Amino acid sequence: MVAILAAQRRGEDVETSKKWAAGQNKQHFITKNTAKLDRETEELHHDRVPLEVGKVIQQGRQSKGMTQKDLATKINEKPQVIADYESGRAIPNNQVMGKIERAIGLKLRGKDIGKPLETGPKGK
């Protein structure tokens, strides 16, 4: 800055240019497509666990005399995960669903939801 002022005093040509939005947080500006997105009618959201599955988990857990925390501990998940699955707020994860199925002994996937899980020999 001092060099620019000194050059101006000497009468030299000094070219300066103002930076757009300098010193301001302008990274969150609104794009032209926002209105287009607002007009979009398609619902974009993840599938959730059906309430039917949540009820089966709850009944299976209660029939074994387990609390949500007990079931969560048994399958190495947080109690909130079990609460979300039972209330239908969770996004289905096949790994977690499989662990819950084995823990409560009831099917949670496919057409036989709520039926006892067949425990056949594991093939390796």
C-alpha atoms as a PDB file:
ATOM      1  CA  MET A   1       0.000   0.000   0.000  1.00  0.00           C
ATOM      2  CA  VAL A   2       2.841   2.391   0.866  1.00  0.00           C
ATOM      3  CA  ALA A   3       4.564   1.635  -2.457  1.00  0.00           C
ATOM      4  CA  ILE A   4       1.379   2.488  -4.364  1.00  0.00           C
ATOM      5  CA  LEU A   5       1.021   5.837  -2.583  1.00  0.00           C
ATOM      6  CA  ALA A   6       4.685   6.664  -3.200  1.00  0.00           C
ATOM      7  CA  ALA A   7       4.322   5.851  -6.905  1.00  0.00           C
ATOM      8  CA  GLN A   8       1.203   8.038  -7.134  1.00  0.00           C
ATOM      9  CA  ARG A   9       3.077  10.963  -5.486  1.00  0.00           C
ATOM     10  CA  ARG A  10       5.849  10.643  -8.052  1.00  0.00           C
ATOM     11  CA  GLY A  11       3.212  10.878 -10.786  1.00  0.00           C
ATOM     12  CA  GLU A  12       3.714   7.368 -12.142  1.00  0.00           C
ATOM     13  CA  ASP A  13       0.834   5.426 -13.682  1.00  0.00           C
ATOM     14  CA  VAL A  14      -0.645   3.060 -11.125  1.00  0.00           C
ATOM     15  CA  GLU A  15      -3.267   0.523 -12.115  1.00  0.00           C
ATOM     16  CA  THR A  16      -5.575  -0.746  -9.385  1.00  0.00           C
ATOM     17  CA  SER A  17      -8.523  -3.084  -9.624  1.00  0.00           C
ATOM     18  CA  LYS A  18     -11.160  -3.820  -6.994  1.00  0.00           C
ATOM     19  CA  LYS A  19     -11.671  -7.476  -6.234  1.00  0.00           C
ATOM     20  CA  TRP A  20     -15.282  -8.615  -6.428  1.00  0.00           C
ATOM     21  CA  ALA A  21     -16.712  -9.325  -2.952  1.00  0.00           C
ATOM     22  CA  ALA A  22     -13.291  -8.827  -1.359  1.00  0.00           C
ATOM     23  CA  GLY A  23     -13.297  -9.412   2.362  1.00  0.00           C
ATOM     24  CA  GLN A  24     -16.838 -10.719   2.390  1.00  0.00           C
ATOM     25  CA  ASN A  25     -18.080 -14.237   2.788  1.00  0.00           C
ATOM     26  CA  LYS A  26     -19.738 -14.606  -0.595  1.00  0.00           C
ATOM     27  CA  GLN A  27     -19.337 -18.355  -0.998  1.00  0.00           C
ATOM     28  CA  HIS A  28     -23.034 -18.948  -0.296  1.00  0.00           C
ATOM     29  CA  PHE A  29     -24.549 -16.943  -3.121  1.00  0.00           C
ATOM     30  CA  ILE A  30     -27.885 -17.949  -4.654  1.00  0.00           C
ATOM     31  CA  THR A  31     -27.692 -19.468  -8.103  1.00  0.00           C
ATOM     32  CA  LYS A  32     -30.075 -18.887 -10.971  1.00  0.00           C
ATOM     33  CA  ASN A  33     -31.306 -22.475 -10.679  1.00  0.00           C
ATOM     34  CA  THR A  34     -32.805 -21.989  -7.216  1.00  0.00           C
ATOM     35  CA  ALA A  35     -36.207 -20.996  -8.593  1.00  0.00           C
ATOM     36  CA  LYS A  36     -36.095 -23.984 -10.929  1.00  0.00           C
ATOM     37  CA  LEU A  37     -35.361 -26.273  -7.980  1.00  0.00           C
ATOM     38  CA  ASP A  38     -38.191 -24.697  -5.988  1.00  0.00           C
ATOM     39  CA  ARG A  39     -40.623 -25.435  -8.821  1.00  0.00           C
ATOM     40  CA  GLU A  40     -39.476 -29.051  -8.944  1.00  0.00           C
ATOM     41  CA  THR A  41     -42.304 -31.237  -7.658  1.00  0.00           C
ATOM     42  CA  GLU A  42     -40.504 -34.561  -7.345  1.00  0.00           C
ATOM     43  CA  GLU A  43     -39.928 -35.597  -3.745  1.00  0.00           C
ATOM     44  CA  LEU A  44     -36.267 -36.399  -3.238  1.00  0.00           C
ATOM     45  CA  HIS A  45     -35.795 -38.307   0.005  1.00  0.00           C
ATOM     46  CA  HIS A  46     -34.419 -41.618   1.217  1.00  0.00           C
ATOM     47  CA  ASP A  47     -36.616 -44.624   1.817  1.00  0.00           C
ATOM     48  CA  ARG A  48     -37.308 -45.252   5.472  1.00  0.00           C
ATOM     49  CA  VAL A  49     -37.878 -48.470   7.396  1.00  0.00           C
ATOM     50  CA  PRO A  50     -41.587 -49.359   7.082  1.00  0.00           C
ATOM     51  CA  LEU A  51     -43.598 -49.020  10.313  1.00  0.00           C
ATOM     52  CA  GLU A  52     -44.532 -52.698   9.980  1.00  0.00           C
ATOM     53  CA  VAL A  53     -40.859 -53.641  10.334  1.00  0.00           C
ATOM     54  CA  GLY A  54     -40.501 -51.307  13.330  1.00  0.00           C
ATOM     55  CA  LYS A  55     -43.418 -53.034  15.062  1.00  0.00           C
ATOM     56  CA  VAL A  56     -41.908 -56.483  14.374  1.00  0.00           C
ATOM     57  CA  ILE A  57     -38.581 -55.359  15.883  1.00  0.00           C
ATOM     58  CA  GLN A  58     -40.376 -53.989  18.948  1.00  0.00           C
ATOM     59  CA  GLN A  59     -42.501 -57.139  19.455  1.00  0.00           C
ATOM     60  CA  GLY A  60     -39.537 -59.455  18.914  1.00  0.00           C
ATOM     61  CA  ARG A  61     -37.397 -57.485  21.336  1.00  0.00           C
ATOM     62  CA  GLN A  62     -40.124 -57.394  23.996  1.00  0.00           C
ATOM     63  CA  SER A  63     -40.854 -61.129  23.593  1.00  0.00           C
ATOM     64  CA  LYS A  64     -37.205 -61.810  24.471  1.00  0.00           C
ATOM     65  CA  GLY A  65     -37.465 -59.424  27.439  1.00  0.00           C
ATOM     66  CA  MET A  66     -34.902 -56.971  26.030  1.00  0.00           C
ATOM     67  CA  THR A  67     -34.876 -53.190  26.229  1.00  0.00           C
ATOM     68  CA  GLN A  68     -33.773 -51.097  23.261  1.00  0.00           C
ATOM     69  CA  LYS A  69     -30.431 -50.651  25.016  1.00  0.00           C
ATOM     70  CA  ASP A  70     -30.033 -54.443  25.519  1.00  0.00           C
ATOM     71  CA  LEU A  71     -30.711 -55.124  21.844  1.00  0.00           C
ATOM     72  CA  ALA A  72     -28.368 -52.324  20.781  1.00  0.00           C
ATOM     73  CA  THR A  73     -25.586 -53.707  22.993  1.00  0.00           C
ATOM     74  CA  LYS A  74     -26.133 -57.221  21.616  1.00  0.00           C
ATOM     75  CA  ILE A  75     -25.711 -56.085  17.992  1.00  0.00           C
ATOM     76  CA  ASN A  76     -22.979 -53.486  18.725  1.00  0.00           C
ATOM     77  CA  GLU A  77     -25.054 -50.455  17.740  1.00  0.00           C
ATOM     78  CA  LYS A  78     -26.191 -47.356  19.625  1.00  0.00           C
ATOM     79  CA  PRO A  79     -29.604 -47.446  21.378  1.00  0.00           C
ATOM     80  CA  GLN A  80     -30.694 -44.533  19.161  1.00  0.00           C
ATOM     81  CA  VAL A  81     -30.309 -46.805  16.108  1.00  0.00           C
ATOM     82  CA  ILE A  82     -32.843 -49.261  17.572  1.00  0.00           C
ATOM     83  CA  ALA A  83     -35.197 -46.391  18.494  1.00  0.00           C
ATOM     84  CA  ASP A  84     -34.975 -45.037  14.926  1.00  0.00           C
ATOM     85  CA  TYR A  85     -35.681 -48.468  13.393  1.00  0.00           C
ATOM     86  CA  GLU A  86     -38.672 -49.047  15.676  1.00  0.00           C
ATOM     87  CA  SER A  87     -40.162 -45.611  14.964  1.00  0.00           C
ATOM     88  CA  GLY A  88     -39.613 -45.858  11.183  1.00  0.00           C
ATOM     89  CA  ARG A  89     -37.124 -42.952  11.054  1.00  0.00           C
ATOM     90  CA  ALA A  90     -34.080 -45.023  10.051  1.00  0.00           C
ATOM     91  CA  ILE A  91     -32.783 -45.485   6.528  1.00  0.00           C
ATOM     92  CA  PRO A  92     -32.620 -49.285   6.070  1.00  0.00           C
ATOM     93  CA  ASN A  93     -29.141 -50.785   6.267  1.00  0.00           C
ATOM     94  CA  ASN A  94     -28.941 -54.482   5.351  1.00  0.00           C
ATOM     95  CA  GLN A  95     -26.060 -55.106   7.748  1.00  0.00           C
ATOM     96  CA  VAL A  96     -27.938 -53.664  10.727  1.00  0.00           C
ATOM     97  CA  MET A  97     -31.196 -55.370   9.653  1.00  0.00           C
ATOM     98  CA  GLY A  98     -29.382 -58.719   9.503  1.00  0.00           C
ATOM     99  CA  LYS A  99     -27.949 -58.254  12.999  1.00  0.00           C
ATOM    100  CA  ILE A 100     -31.377 -57.344  14.414  1.00  0.00           C
ATOM    101  CA  GLU A 101     -32.960 -60.349  12.630  1.00  0.00           C
ATOM    102  CA  ARG A 102     -30.469 -62.727  14.214  1.00  0.00           C
ATOM    103  CA  ALA A 103     -30.820 -61.109  17.646  1.00  0.00           C
ATOM    104  CA  ILE A 104     -34.640 -61.303  17.794  1.00  0.00           C
ATOM    105  CA  GLY A 105     -35.056 -64.402  15.605  1.00  0.00           C
ATOM    106  CA  LEU A 106     -37.617 -62.816  13.261  1.00  0.00           C
ATOM    107  CA  LYS A 107     -37.419 -61.916   9.551  1.00  0.00           C
ATOM    108  CA  LEU A 108     -37.413 -58.199   8.786  1.00  0.00           C
ATOM    109  CA  ARG A 109     -36.789 -58.315   5.035  1.00  0.00           C
ATOM    110  CA  GLY A 110     -38.564 -59.894   2.079  1.00  0.00           C
ATOM    111  CA  LYS A 111     -42.163 -61.090   1.962  1.00  0.00           C
ATOM    112  CA  ASP A 112     -42.141 -63.087   5.213  1.00  0.00           C
ATOM    113  CA  ILE A 113     -41.714 -60.097   7.568  1.00  0.00           C
ATOM    114  CA  GLY A 114     -42.434 -61.140  11.165  1.00  0.00           C
ATOM    115  CA  LYS A 115     -42.021 -64.886  10.530  1.00  0.00           C
ATOM    116  CA  PRO A 116     -39.453 -66.843  12.564  1.00  0.00           C
ATOM    117  CA  LEU A 117     -35.969 -66.833  11.107  1.00  0.00           C
ATOM    118  CA  GLU A 118     -34.853 -70.205   9.744  1.00  0.00           C
ATOM    119  CA  THR A 119     -31.534 -71.009  11.325  1.00  0.00           C
ATOM    120  CA  GLY A 120     -30.021 -73.445   8.885  1.00  0.00           C
ATOM    121  CA  PRO A 121     -26.386 -74.525   8.603  1.00  0.00           C
ATOM    122  CA  LYS A 122     -24.070 -71.822   7.360  1.00  0.00           C
ATOM    123  CA  GLY A 123     -22.240 -72.739   4.163  1.00  0.00           C
ATOM    124  CA  LYS A 124     -18.686 -71.519   3.849  1.00  0.00           C
END
